C-alpha atoms as a PDB file:
ATOM      1  CA  UNK A   1      27.485  -3.182  31.265  1.00  0.00           C
ATOM      2  CA  UNK A   2      24.415  -4.450  29.007  1.00  0.00           C
ATOM      3  CA  UNK A   3      22.242  -2.124  31.180  1.00  0.00           C
ATOM      4  CA  UNK A   4      24.486   0.790  30.381  1.00  0.00           C
ATOM      5  CA  UNK A   5      24.495   0.114  26.840  1.00  0.00           C
ATOM      6  CA  UNK A   6      20.598  -0.177  26.620  1.00  0.00           C
ATOM      7  CA  UNK A   7      20.292   2.968  28.431  1.00  0.00           C
ATOM      8  CA  UNK A   8      22.713   4.665  26.111  1.00  0.00           C
ATOM      9  CA  UNK A   9      20.768   3.458  23.158  1.00  0.00           C
ATOM     10  CA  UNK A  10      17.612   4.643  24.478  1.00  0.00           C
ATOM     11  CA  UNK A  11      19.170   8.071  25.105  1.00  0.00           C
ATOM     12  CA  UNK A  12      20.559   7.987  21.638  1.00  0.00           C
ATOM     13  CA  UNK A  13      17.318   7.337  19.941  1.00  0.00           C
ATOM     14  CA  UNK A  14      15.539  10.084  22.080  1.00  0.00           C
ATOM     15  CA  UNK A  15      18.340  12.407  20.993  1.00  0.00           C
ATOM     16  CA  UNK A  16      18.186  11.636  17.417  1.00  0.00           C
ATOM     17  CA  UNK A  17      14.370  12.026  17.486  1.00  0.00           C
ATOM     18  CA  UNK A  18      14.606  15.558  18.846  1.00  0.00           C
ATOM     19  CA  UNK A  19      17.341  16.468  16.647  1.00  0.00           C
ATOM     20  CA  UNK A  20      15.662  15.226  13.496  1.00  0.00           C
ATOM     21  CA  UNK A  21      12.203  16.665  14.556  1.00  0.00           C
ATOM     22  CA  UNK A  22      13.978  20.031  15.267  1.00  0.00           C
ATOM     23  CA  UNK A  23      15.448  20.051  11.672  1.00  0.00           C
ATOM     24  CA  UNK A  24      12.062  19.237  10.046  1.00  0.00           C
ATOM     25  CA  UNK A  25      10.662  22.104  11.889  1.00  0.00           C
ATOM     26  CA  UNK A  26      13.287  24.416  10.724  1.00  0.00           C
ATOM     27  CA  UNK A  27      12.823  23.258   6.968  1.00  0.00           C
ATOM     28  CA  UNK A  28       9.293  23.740   7.344  1.00  0.00           C
ATOM     29  CA  UNK A  29       9.573  27.274   9.072  1.00  0.00           C
ATOM     30  CA  UNK A  30      12.217  28.357   6.397  1.00  0.00           C
ATOM     31  CA  UNK A  31       9.806  26.939   3.440  1.00  0.00           C
ATOM     32  CA  UNK A  32       6.648  28.743   4.899  1.00  0.00           C
ATOM     33  CA  UNK A  33       8.795  31.914   5.221  1.00  0.00           C
ATOM     34  CA  UNK A  34      10.102  31.554   1.490  1.00  0.00           C
ATOM     35  CA  UNK A  35       6.542  31.087   0.089  1.00  0.00           C
ATOM     36  CA  UNK A  36       5.178  34.027   2.105  1.00  0.00           C
ATOM     37  CA  UNK A  37       8.038  36.307   0.998  1.00  0.00           C
ATOM     38  CA  UNK A  38       7.500  35.406  -2.794  1.00  0.00           C
ATOM     39  CA  UNK A  39       3.664  35.536  -2.473  1.00  0.00           C
ATOM     40  CA  UNK A  40       4.185  39.077  -1.118  1.00  0.00           C
ATOM     41  CA  UNK A  41       6.523  40.189  -3.794  1.00  0.00           C
ATOM     42  CA  UNK A  42       4.130  39.098  -6.374  1.00  0.00           C
ATOM     43  CA  UNK A  43       1.269  40.714  -4.514  1.00  0.00           C
ATOM     44  CA  UNK A  44       3.267  44.253  -4.448  1.00  0.00           C
ATOM     45  CA  UNK A  45       4.057  43.692  -8.063  1.00  0.00           C
ATOM     46  CA  UNK A  46       0.327  43.248  -9.140  1.00  0.00           C
ATOM     47  CA  UNK A  47      -0.895  45.975  -6.704  1.00  0.00           C
ATOM     48  CA  UNK A  48       1.418  48.538  -8.553  1.00  0.00           C
ATOM     49  CA  UNK A  49       0.244  47.494 -11.814  1.00  0.00           C
ATOM     50  CA  UNK A  50      -3.273  48.504 -10.702  1.00  0.00           C
ATOM     51  CA  UNK A  51      -4.231  44.698 -10.512  1.00  0.00           C
ATOM     52  CA  UNK A  52      -3.190  44.288 -14.241  1.00  0.00           C
ATOM     53  CA  UNK A  53      -4.796  47.379 -15.480  1.00  0.00           C
ATOM     54  CA  UNK A  54      -1.633  48.682 -17.074  1.00  0.00           C
ATOM     55  CA  UNK A  55       0.029  47.651 -20.433  1.00  0.00           C
ATOM     56  CA  UNK A  56       1.582  44.393 -20.699  1.00  0.00           C
ATOM     57  CA  UNK A  57       4.933  45.746 -22.181  1.00  0.00           C
ATOM     58  CA  UNK A  58       4.968  48.419 -19.485  1.00  0.00           C
ATOM     59  CA  UNK A  59       4.579  45.865 -17.010  1.00  0.00           C
ATOM     60  CA  UNK A  60       7.359  43.731 -18.391  1.00  0.00           C
ATOM     61  CA  UNK A  61       9.800  46.803 -18.332  1.00  0.00           C
ATOM     62  CA  UNK A  62       8.925  47.381 -14.808  1.00  0.00           C
ATOM     63  CA  UNK A  63       9.983  43.989 -13.751  1.00  0.00           C
ATOM     64  CA  UNK A  64      13.170  44.178 -15.885  1.00  0.00           C
ATOM     65  CA  UNK A  65      13.988  47.266 -13.862  1.00  0.00           C
ATOM     66  CA  UNK A  66      13.142  45.767 -10.556  1.00  0.00           C
ATOM     67  CA  UNK A  67      15.218  42.627 -11.098  1.00  0.00           C
ATOM     68  CA  UNK A  68      18.214  44.873 -11.953  1.00  0.00           C
ATOM     69  CA  UNK A  69      17.965  46.895  -8.694  1.00  0.00           C
ATOM     70  CA  UNK A  70      16.851  43.913  -6.516  1.00  0.00           C
ATOM     71  CA  UNK A  71      19.715  41.887  -7.538  1.00  0.00           C
ATOM     72  CA  UNK A  72      22.091  44.934  -6.391  1.00  0.00           C
ATOM     73  CA  UNK A  73      20.798  45.053  -2.941  1.00  0.00           C
ATOM     74  CA  UNK A  74      19.565  41.493  -2.167  1.00  0.00           C
ATOM     75  CA  UNK A  75      21.762  39.220  -4.439  1.00  0.00           C
ATOM     76  CA  UNK A  76      20.532  36.514  -6.763  1.00  0.00           C
ATOM     77  CA  UNK A  77      17.078  35.077  -6.783  1.00  0.00           C
ATOM     78  CA  UNK A  78      15.528  37.901  -8.293  1.00  0.00           C
ATOM     79  CA  UNK A  79      16.060  37.387 -12.116  1.00  0.00           C
ATOM     80  CA  UNK A  80      13.256  38.583 -14.377  1.00  0.00           C
ATOM     81  CA  UNK A  81      11.955  34.931 -14.719  1.00  0.00           C
ATOM     82  CA  UNK A  82      11.830  34.628 -10.983  1.00  0.00           C
ATOM     83  CA  UNK A  83       9.980  37.808 -10.568  1.00  0.00           C
ATOM     84  CA  UNK A  84       7.656  36.828 -13.419  1.00  0.00           C
ATOM     85  CA  UNK A  85       7.014  33.520 -11.473  1.00  0.00           C
ATOM     86  CA  UNK A  86       6.354  35.294  -8.202  1.00  0.00           C
ATOM     87  CA  UNK A  87       3.801  37.642  -9.887  1.00  0.00           C
ATOM     88  CA  UNK A  88       2.082  34.616 -11.410  1.00  0.00           C
ATOM     89  CA  UNK A  89       2.352  32.909  -8.001  1.00  0.00           C
ATOM     90  CA  UNK A  90       0.227  35.752  -6.344  1.00  0.00           C
ATOM     91  CA  UNK A  91      -2.306  35.709  -9.300  1.00  0.00           C
ATOM     92  CA  UNK A  92      -2.675  31.888  -9.481  1.00  0.00           C
ATOM     93  CA  UNK A  93      -3.052  31.403  -5.738  1.00  0.00           C
ATOM     94  CA  UNK A  94      -4.675  35.011  -4.498  1.00  0.00           C
ATOM     95  CA  UNK A  95      -5.260  33.681  -1.066  1.00  0.00           C
ATOM     96  CA  UNK A  96      -2.016  32.587   0.846  1.00  0.00           C
ATOM     97  CA  UNK A  97      -4.058  30.236   2.994  1.00  0.00           C
ATOM     98  CA  UNK A  98      -4.646  27.820   0.325  1.00  0.00           C
ATOM     99  CA  UNK A  99      -1.005  27.238  -0.398  1.00  0.00           C
ATOM    100  CA  UNK A 100       0.336  23.748   0.775  1.00  0.00           C
ATOM    101  CA  UNK A 101       3.487  24.195   3.153  1.00  0.00           C
ATOM    102  CA  UNK A 102       4.168  20.588   2.041  1.00  0.00           C
ATOM    103  CA  UNK A 103       5.509  21.867  -1.299  1.00  0.00           C
ATOM    104  CA  UNK A 104       8.519  24.026  -1.820  1.00  0.00           C
ATOM    105  CA  UNK A 105       8.990  27.251  -4.051  1.00  0.00           C
ATOM    106  CA  UNK A 106      10.552  24.934  -6.609  1.00  0.00           C
ATOM    107  CA  UNK A 107       7.396  22.665  -6.773  1.00  0.00           C
ATOM    108  CA  UNK A 108       5.204  25.682  -7.319  1.00  0.00           C
ATOM    109  CA  UNK A 109       7.583  26.965 -10.357  1.00  0.00           C
ATOM    110  CA  UNK A 110       6.872  23.652 -11.937  1.00  0.00           C
ATOM    111  CA  UNK A 111       3.249  23.947 -11.329  1.00  0.00           C
ATOM    112  CA  UNK A 112       3.006  27.523 -12.543  1.00  0.00           C
ATOM    113  CA  UNK A 113       4.002  26.355 -15.907  1.00  0.00           C
ATOM    114  CA  UNK A 114       0.589  24.363 -16.156  1.00  0.00           C
ATOM    115  CA  UNK A 115      -1.874  26.776 -17.860  1.00  0.00           C
ATOM    116  CA  UNK A 116      -4.872  24.244 -17.588  1.00  0.00           C
ATOM    117  CA  UNK A 117      -6.436  24.688 -14.033  1.00  0.00           C
ATOM    118  CA  UNK A 118      -7.683  20.871 -13.645  1.00  0.00           C
ATOM    119  CA  UNK A 119      -4.392  19.548 -14.872  1.00  0.00           C
ATOM    120  CA  UNK A 120      -2.448  21.872 -12.353  1.00  0.00           C
ATOM    121  CA  UNK A 121      -4.642  21.044  -9.579  1.00  0.00           C
ATOM    122  CA  UNK A 122      -4.191  17.436 -10.206  1.00  0.00           C
ATOM    123  CA  UNK A 123      -0.368  17.472  -9.985  1.00  0.00           C
ATOM    124  CA  UNK A 124      -0.575  19.767  -7.044  1.00  0.00           C
ATOM    125  CA  UNK A 125      -2.759  17.182  -5.288  1.00  0.00           C
ATOM    126  CA  UNK A 126      -0.301  14.125  -6.363  1.00  0.00           C
ATOM    127  CA  UNK A 127       2.716  16.122  -5.187  1.00  0.00           C
ATOM    128  CA  UNK A 128       1.053  16.438  -1.595  1.00  0.00           C
ATOM    129  CA  UNK A 129      -0.502  12.743  -1.560  1.00  0.00           C
ATOM    130  CA  UNK A 130       2.527  10.934  -3.055  1.00  0.00           C
ATOM    131  CA  UNK A 131       5.377  13.338  -1.295  1.00  0.00           C
ATOM    132  CA  UNK A 132       6.872  13.788  -4.930  1.00  0.00           C
ATOM    133  CA  UNK A 133      10.400  15.523  -5.127  1.00  0.00           C
ATOM    134  CA  UNK A 134      10.783  18.279  -7.709  1.00  0.00           C
ATOM    135  CA  UNK A 135      12.377  15.800 -10.007  1.00  0.00           C
ATOM    136  CA  UNK A 136       9.550  13.309  -9.929  1.00  0.00           C
ATOM    137  CA  UNK A 137       7.006  16.300 -10.401  1.00  0.00           C
ATOM    138  CA  UNK A 138       8.923  17.160 -13.518  1.00  0.00           C
ATOM    139  CA  UNK A 139       9.131  13.822 -15.066  1.00  0.00           C
ATOM    140  CA  UNK A 140       5.115  13.087 -14.398  1.00  0.00           C
ATOM    141  CA  UNK A 141       4.489  16.452 -16.139  1.00  0.00           C
ATOM    142  CA  UNK A 142       6.471  15.800 -18.854  1.00  0.00           C
ATOM    143  CA  UNK A 143       5.199  12.333 -19.499  1.00  0.00           C
ATOM    144  CA  UNK A 144       1.765  13.868 -19.308  1.00  0.00           C
ATOM    145  CA  UNK A 145       0.456  11.754 -16.453  1.00  0.00           C
ATOM    146  CA  UNK A 146      -2.791  13.569 -16.164  1.00  0.00           C
ATOM    147  CA  UNK A 147      -3.705  12.939 -19.858  1.00  0.00           C
ATOM    148  CA  UNK A 148      -2.245   9.301 -19.609  1.00  0.00           C
ATOM    149  CA  UNK A 149      -4.793   8.468 -16.800  1.00  0.00           C
ATOM    150  CA  UNK A 150      -7.676  10.213 -18.454  1.00  0.00           C
ATOM    151  CA  UNK A 151      -7.195   7.776 -21.413  1.00  0.00           C
ATOM    152  CA  UNK A 152      -6.550   4.570 -19.548  1.00  0.00           C
ATOM    153  CA  UNK A 153     -10.106   3.153 -19.487  1.00  0.00           C
ATOM    154  CA  UNK A 154     -11.557   4.914 -22.375  1.00  0.00           C
ATOM    155  CA  UNK A 155     -14.334   6.361 -20.123  1.00  0.00           C
ATOM    156  CA  UNK A 156     -13.295   9.708 -19.666  1.00  0.00           C
ATOM    157  CA  UNK A 157     -15.808  12.261 -18.713  1.00  0.00           C
ATOM    158  CA  UNK A 158     -15.955  15.666 -17.096  1.00  0.00           C
ATOM    159  CA  UNK A 159     -16.611  14.044 -13.609  1.00  0.00           C
ATOM    160  CA  UNK A 160     -13.398  11.985 -13.969  1.00  0.00           C
ATOM    161  CA  UNK A 161     -11.541  14.998 -14.933  1.00  0.00           C
ATOM    162  CA  UNK A 162     -13.006  17.061 -11.707  1.00  0.00           C
ATOM    163  CA  UNK A 163     -12.374  14.047  -9.453  1.00  0.00           C
ATOM    164  CA  UNK A 164      -8.560  13.918 -10.783  1.00  0.00           C
ATOM    165  CA  UNK A 165      -8.172  17.837 -10.157  1.00  0.00           C
ATOM    166  CA  UNK A 166      -9.731  17.703  -6.753  1.00  0.00           C
ATOM    167  CA  UNK A 167      -8.261  14.407  -5.305  1.00  0.00           C
ATOM    168  CA  UNK A 168      -5.638  13.272  -7.373  1.00  0.00           C
ATOM    169  CA  UNK A 169      -5.232   9.524  -8.512  1.00  0.00           C
ATOM    170  CA  UNK A 170      -7.632   7.459  -6.401  1.00  0.00           C
ATOM    171  CA  UNK A 171      -6.979   3.922  -6.380  1.00  0.00           C
ATOM    172  CA  UNK A 172     -10.017   2.006  -5.328  1.00  0.00           C
ATOM    173  CA  UNK A 173     -10.617  -0.730  -8.004  1.00  0.00           C
ATOM    174  CA  UNK A 174      -7.952  -2.505 -10.057  1.00  0.00           C
ATOM    175  CA  UNK A 175      -8.813  -0.458 -13.274  1.00  0.00           C
ATOM    176  CA  UNK A 176      -7.367   2.830 -11.249  1.00  0.00           C
ATOM    177  CA  UNK A 177      -3.882   1.182 -11.391  1.00  0.00           C
ATOM    178  CA  UNK A 178      -3.740   1.505 -15.344  1.00  0.00           C
ATOM    179  CA  UNK A 179      -1.984   4.040 -17.464  1.00  0.00           C
ATOM    180  CA  UNK A 180      -1.960   4.343 -21.406  1.00  0.00           C
ATOM    181  CA  UNK A 181       0.569   4.333 -22.294  1.00  0.00           C
ATOM    182  CA  UNK A 182       3.150   3.278 -19.642  1.00  0.00           C
ATOM    183  CA  UNK A 183       6.462   5.367 -20.532  1.00  0.00           C
ATOM    184  CA  UNK A 184       9.851   3.886 -20.164  1.00  0.00           C
ATOM    185  CA  UNK A 185      11.875   6.670 -21.411  1.00  0.00           C
ATOM    186  CA  UNK A 186      14.378   6.343 -18.565  1.00  0.00           C
ATOM    187  CA  UNK A 187      15.573   3.262 -20.116  1.00  0.00           C
ATOM    188  CA  UNK A 188      17.219   5.150 -22.919  1.00  0.00           C
ATOM    189  CA  UNK A 189      16.266   2.539 -25.577  1.00  0.00           C
ATOM    190  CA  UNK A 190      16.433   3.710 -29.245  1.00  0.00           C
ATOM    191  CA  UNK A 191      12.943   2.799 -30.974  1.00  0.00           C
ATOM    192  CA  UNK A 192      14.123   1.172 -33.937  1.00  0.00           C
ATOM    193  CA  UNK A 193      16.634  -1.134 -32.069  1.00  0.00           C
ATOM    194  CA  UNK A 194      15.455  -4.352 -31.613  1.00  0.00           C
ATOM    195  CA  UNK A 195      15.234  -5.814 -27.925  1.00  0.00           C
ATOM    196  CA  UNK A 196      14.420  -9.306 -26.475  1.00  0.00           C
ATOM    197  CA  UNK A 197      11.778  -9.387 -23.682  1.00  0.00           C
ATOM    198  CA  UNK A 198      14.558 -10.696 -21.262  1.00  0.00           C
ATOM    199  CA  UNK A 199      16.570  -7.649 -21.998  1.00  0.00           C
ATOM    200  CA  UNK A 200      13.790  -5.359 -21.312  1.00  0.00           C
ATOM    201  CA  UNK A 201      13.088  -7.099 -18.037  1.00  0.00           C
ATOM    202  CA  UNK A 202      16.594  -6.626 -17.075  1.00  0.00           C
ATOM    203  CA  UNK A 203      16.571  -2.958 -17.900  1.00  0.00           C
ATOM    204  CA  UNK A 204      13.488  -2.294 -16.014  1.00  0.00           C
ATOM    205  CA  UNK A 205      14.851  -4.259 -12.873  1.00  0.00           C
ATOM    206  CA  UNK A 206      18.100  -2.160 -13.198  1.00  0.00           C
ATOM    207  CA  UNK A 207      15.866   0.972 -13.227  1.00  0.00           C
ATOM    208  CA  UNK A 208      13.614  -0.229 -10.622  1.00  0.00           C
ATOM    209  CA  UNK A 209      13.077   3.091  -8.757  1.00  0.00           C
ATOM    210  CA  UNK A 210      12.132   4.895 -11.915  1.00  0.00           C
ATOM    211  CA  UNK A 211       9.871   1.824 -13.071  1.00  0.00           C
ATOM    212  CA  UNK A 212       8.224   1.772  -9.522  1.00  0.00           C
ATOM    213  CA  UNK A 213       7.596   5.543 -10.039  1.00  0.00           C
ATOM    214  CA  UNK A 214       6.111   5.019 -13.442  1.00  0.00           C
ATOM    215  CA  UNK A 215       3.886   2.149 -12.113  1.00  0.00           C
ATOM    216  CA  UNK A 216       2.050   4.500  -9.629  1.00  0.00           C
ATOM    217  CA  UNK A 217       1.078   4.439  -6.089  1.00  0.00           C
ATOM    218  CA  UNK A 218       1.534   1.741  -3.492  1.00  0.00           C
ATOM    219  CA  UNK A 219       3.737  -0.714  -5.587  1.00  0.00           C
ATOM    220  CA  UNK A 220       6.311  -3.147  -3.888  1.00  0.00           C
ATOM    221  CA  UNK A 221       8.673  -5.312  -5.946  1.00  0.00           C
ATOM    222  CA  UNK A 222       8.387  -8.891  -5.203  1.00  0.00           C
ATOM    223  CA  UNK A 223      10.678 -10.362  -7.831  1.00  0.00           C
ATOM    224  CA  UNK A 224      11.279 -11.369 -11.610  1.00  0.00           C
ATOM    225  CA  UNK A 225      10.623 -14.756 -13.246  1.00  0.00           C
ATOM    226  CA  UNK A 226       8.362 -16.001 -10.512  1.00  0.00           C
ATOM    227  CA  UNK A 227       8.070 -19.848 -11.008  1.00  0.00           C
ATOM    228  CA  UNK A 228       4.634 -21.350 -11.391  1.00  0.00           C
ATOM    229  CA  UNK A 229       4.491 -25.196 -11.499  1.00  0.00           C
ATOM    230  CA  UNK A 230       1.403 -27.070 -12.953  1.00  0.00           C
ATOM    231  CA  UNK A 231       1.911 -30.833 -13.324  1.00  0.00           C
ATOM    232  CA  UNK A 232       5.515 -31.305 -14.545  1.00  0.00           C
ATOM    233  CA  UNK A 233       5.361 -27.984 -16.483  1.00  0.00           C
ATOM    234  CA  UNK A 234       7.281 -24.752 -15.147  1.00  0.00           C
ATOM    235  CA  UNK A 235       5.967 -21.272 -16.104  1.00  0.00           C
ATOM    236  CA  UNK A 236       7.589 -18.137 -15.347  1.00  0.00           C
ATOM    237  CA  UNK A 237       5.723 -14.654 -14.542  1.00  0.00           C
ATOM    238  CA  UNK A 238       8.111 -11.918 -15.873  1.00  0.00           C
ATOM    239  CA  UNK A 239       7.752  -9.523 -12.910  1.00  0.00           C
ATOM    240  CA  UNK A 240       5.365  -9.584  -9.744  1.00  0.00           C
ATOM    241  CA  UNK A 241       4.638  -6.689  -7.453  1.00  0.00           C
ATOM    242  CA  UNK A 242       2.445  -6.241  -4.396  1.00  0.00           C
ATOM    243  CA  UNK A 243       0.018  -3.102  -4.217  1.00  0.00           C
ATOM    244  CA  UNK A 244      -0.420  -2.352  -0.634  1.00  0.00           C
ATOM    245  CA  UNK A 245      -3.303   0.073  -1.456  1.00  0.00           C
ATOM    246  CA  UNK A 246      -5.285  -2.733  -3.224  1.00  0.00           C
ATOM    247  CA  UNK A 247      -3.674  -5.216  -0.915  1.00  0.00           C
ATOM    248  CA  UNK A 248      -3.183  -7.709  -3.928  1.00  0.00           C
ATOM    249  CA  UNK A 249      -0.385  -9.206  -6.000  1.00  0.00           C
ATOM    250  CA  UNK A 250       0.164  -7.556  -9.378  1.00  0.00           C
ATOM    251  CA  UNK A 251       1.628  -9.765 -12.268  1.00  0.00           C
ATOM    252  CA  UNK A 252       3.213  -8.202 -15.127  1.00  0.00           C
ATOM    253  CA  UNK A 253       4.057  -9.842 -18.518  1.00  0.00           C
ATOM    254  CA  UNK A 254       6.210  -8.164 -21.002  1.00  0.00           C
ATOM    255  CA  UNK A 255       5.701  -8.430 -24.597  1.00  0.00           C
ATOM    256  CA  UNK A 256       7.711  -6.727 -27.492  1.00  0.00           C
ATOM    257  CA  UNK A 257       5.224  -7.065 -30.019  1.00  0.00           C
ATOM    258  CA  UNK A 258       1.471  -6.679 -30.607  1.00  0.00           C
ATOM    259  CA  UNK A 259      -0.869  -8.073 -27.954  1.00  0.00           C
ATOM    260  CA  UNK A 260      -2.350 -11.451 -28.992  1.00  0.00           C
ATOM    261  CA  UNK A 261      -5.450 -13.090 -27.362  1.00  0.00           C
ATOM    262  CA  UNK A 262      -3.499 -16.143 -26.254  1.00  0.00           C
ATOM    263  CA  UNK A 263      -1.399 -13.775 -23.875  1.00  0.00           C
ATOM    264  CA  UNK A 264      -4.734 -13.026 -21.873  1.00  0.00           C
ATOM    265  CA  UNK A 265      -5.473 -16.888 -21.509  1.00  0.00           C
ATOM    266  CA  UNK A 266      -1.957 -17.400 -20.128  1.00  0.00           C
ATOM    267  CA  UNK A 267      -2.064 -14.460 -17.546  1.00  0.00           C
ATOM    268  CA  UNK A 268      -5.501 -15.996 -16.472  1.00  0.00           C
ATOM    269  CA  UNK A 269      -3.908 -19.039 -15.721  1.00  0.00           C
ATOM    270  CA  UNK A 270      -1.176 -17.280 -13.598  1.00  0.00           C
ATOM    271  CA  UNK A 271      -3.733 -15.444 -11.536  1.00  0.00           C
ATOM    272  CA  UNK A 272      -5.874 -18.414 -10.897  1.00  0.00           C
ATOM    273  CA  UNK A 273      -2.572 -20.056  -9.373  1.00  0.00           C
ATOM    274  CA  UNK A 274      -1.822 -16.943  -7.383  1.00  0.00           C
ATOM    275  CA  UNK A 275      -5.423 -16.773  -5.961  1.00  0.00           C
ATOM    276  CA  UNK A 276      -5.459 -20.388  -4.955  1.00  0.00           C
ATOM    277  CA  UNK A 277      -1.611 -21.090  -3.917  1.00  0.00           C
ATOM    278  CA  UNK A 278       0.103 -17.934  -3.151  1.00  0.00           C
ATOM    279  CA  UNK A 279      -2.698 -15.605  -1.604  1.00  0.00           C
ATOM    280  CA  UNK A 280      -2.977 -15.258   2.170  1.00  0.00           C
ATOM    281  CA  UNK A 281      -6.373 -14.687   3.759  1.00  0.00           C
ATOM    282  CA  UNK A 282      -6.190 -11.084   3.961  1.00  0.00           C
ATOM    283  CA  UNK A 283      -5.019 -10.522   0.135  1.00  0.00           C
ATOM    284  CA  UNK A 284      -7.472  -9.375  -2.368  1.00  0.00           C
ATOM    285  CA  UNK A 285      -7.615 -11.214  -5.944  1.00  0.00           C
ATOM    286  CA  UNK A 286      -4.470 -10.697  -7.977  1.00  0.00           C
ATOM    287  CA  UNK A 287      -4.348  -8.402 -11.110  1.00  0.00           C
ATOM    288  CA  UNK A 288      -2.558  -9.078 -14.212  1.00  0.00           C
ATOM    289  CA  UNK A 289      -1.144  -6.539 -16.638  1.00  0.00           C
ATOM    290  CA  UNK A 290      -0.010  -7.503 -20.018  1.00  0.00           C
ATOM    291  CA  UNK A 291       2.415  -4.739 -21.313  1.00  0.00           C
ATOM    292  CA  UNK A 292       2.678  -4.797 -24.932  1.00  0.00           C
ATOM    293  CA  UNK A 293       4.237  -2.352 -27.673  1.00  0.00           C
ATOM    294  CA  UNK A 294       0.463  -2.268 -29.341  1.00  0.00           C
ATOM    295  CA  UNK A 295      -3.036  -3.577 -29.264  1.00  0.00           C
ATOM    296  CA  UNK A 296      -6.117  -3.586 -31.084  1.00  0.00           C
ATOM    297  CA  UNK A 297      -8.926  -2.493 -29.076  1.00  0.00           C
ATOM    298  CA  UNK A 298     -11.842  -4.699 -30.926  1.00  0.00           C
ATOM    299  CA  UNK A 299      -9.496  -7.814 -30.393  1.00  0.00           C
ATOM    300  CA  UNK A 300      -8.999  -7.037 -26.835  1.00  0.00           C
ATOM    301  CA  UNK A 301     -12.577  -6.644 -25.872  1.00  0.00           C
ATOM    302  CA  UNK A 302     -13.166 -10.226 -26.991  1.00  0.00           C
ATOM    303  CA  UNK A 303      -9.905 -11.602 -25.448  1.00  0.00           C
ATOM    304  CA  UNK A 304     -10.375 -10.012 -22.200  1.00  0.00           C
ATOM    305  CA  UNK A 305     -14.197 -10.027 -21.874  1.00  0.00           C
ATOM    306  CA  UNK A 306     -15.884 -12.738 -19.900  1.00  0.00           C
ATOM    307  CA  UNK A 307     -12.554 -13.582 -17.568  1.00  0.00           C
ATOM    308  CA  UNK A 308     -13.323 -13.890 -13.888  1.00  0.00           C
ATOM    309  CA  UNK A 309      -9.954 -12.503 -13.185  1.00  0.00           C
ATOM    310  CA  UNK A 310      -8.527  -8.947 -13.401  1.00  0.00           C
ATOM    311  CA  UNK A 311      -6.534  -9.177 -16.706  1.00  0.00           C
ATOM    312  CA  UNK A 312      -5.821  -5.894 -18.362  1.00  0.00           C
ATOM    313  CA  UNK A 313      -3.645  -5.155 -21.378  1.00  0.00           C
ATOM    314  CA  UNK A 314      -1.756  -1.738 -21.914  1.00  0.00           C
ATOM    315  CA  UNK A 315       0.805  -0.422 -24.239  1.00  0.00           C
ATOM    316  CA  UNK A 316       4.307   0.949 -23.498  1.00  0.00           C
ATOM    317  CA  UNK A 317       6.731   3.528 -25.236  1.00  0.00           C
ATOM    318  CA  UNK A 318      10.443   4.244 -25.023  1.00  0.00           C
ATOM    319  CA  UNK A 319       9.666   7.916 -25.653  1.00  0.00           C
ATOM    320  CA  UNK A 320       7.742  10.536 -24.046  1.00  0.00           C
ATOM    321  CA  UNK A 321       4.358  10.690 -25.652  1.00  0.00           C
ATOM    322  CA  UNK A 322       3.353  13.964 -27.696  1.00  0.00           C
ATOM    323  CA  UNK A 323       1.313  15.824 -25.268  1.00  0.00           C
ATOM    324  CA  UNK A 324      -0.668  17.614 -28.016  1.00  0.00           C
ATOM    325  CA  UNK A 325      -1.752  14.290 -29.465  1.00  0.00           C
ATOM    326  CA  UNK A 326      -2.862  13.146 -25.869  1.00  0.00           C
ATOM    327  CA  UNK A 327      -4.796  16.302 -25.401  1.00  0.00           C
ATOM    328  CA  UNK A 328      -6.375  15.792 -28.552  1.00  0.00           C
ATOM    329  CA  UNK A 329      -7.497  12.264 -27.764  1.00  0.00           C
ATOM    330  CA  UNK A 330      -8.729  13.272 -24.270  1.00  0.00           C
ATOM    331  CA  UNK A 331     -10.852  15.905 -25.947  1.00  0.00           C
ATOM    332  CA  UNK A 332     -12.140  13.410 -28.386  1.00  0.00           C
ATOM    333  CA  UNK A 333     -13.327  11.089 -25.727  1.00  0.00           C
ATOM    334  CA  UNK A 334     -14.863  13.908 -23.806  1.00  0.00           C
ATOM    335  CA  UNK A 335     -16.890  15.068 -26.621  1.00  0.00           C
ATOM    336  CA  UNK A 336     -18.105  11.632 -27.442  1.00  0.00           C
ATOM    337  CA  UNK A 337     -19.057  10.970 -23.774  1.00  0.00           C
END
């Protein structure tokens, strides 16, 4: 009987793999066919505009008429806005071979809304590298991830912009994990409303999937209020994660006010403990991130300078940051660099 069960279990696994692989192949082929069809629709529109050499107003009128007729013969999916997207799809990606089959038409529609080439290339690369859903892509664009990464270490230059646009976010050193600011809009907290640190922690745990997405690549949740005992005194780290890319623990302390120098000393103590007592031989040195509502850069230089451990301070906000303001800050850093 056991032999029969084992044989059946093996067959079930083999059959399941065949079916799931088949479904993936069908989805891949359908997606590829759709991208090809929409790209060719865009090509036909552009070529019949003599590659853009007709008046814009006339072009708009042509697309409106096309939409009306195509919906009659092919059904929905050919609205004016969709046809404009197909046209832009071809203009933005004139070589079909450069398109990633890992991305859907819905992904590309979101990417086409980004005018800046470096920024669009960054989000496209991150979609592929991190396997973002359309929902995740929308959120990352909406919270200006590109600009926040550029502002994270204050050393933005054209080379960093180029690297982000070509490769996406590369995590090689602890500093690469940081964002400025972190955006917790998914908590739906009204800014003026006071909140305790323990309540902020509970809300982040409740929205762990969104929080992990905001933290970035490679994060795995370990736990909250992780106890550290030194002598007869107990200390508690608010949140502990493990980053599988850097192969290290990441300790996060939540502060509802302005960053204070003593927070750095406390985090440094936590990191020393983790390095000595928790780390396995294959773990790299732990990283500490103090998340606070605000910080003063000069004070931070003195508070964090000279520490042998990786201690960082970053801010967070409950609202999606103003994109124009972030772009202005990036340009300011670039111009000064």
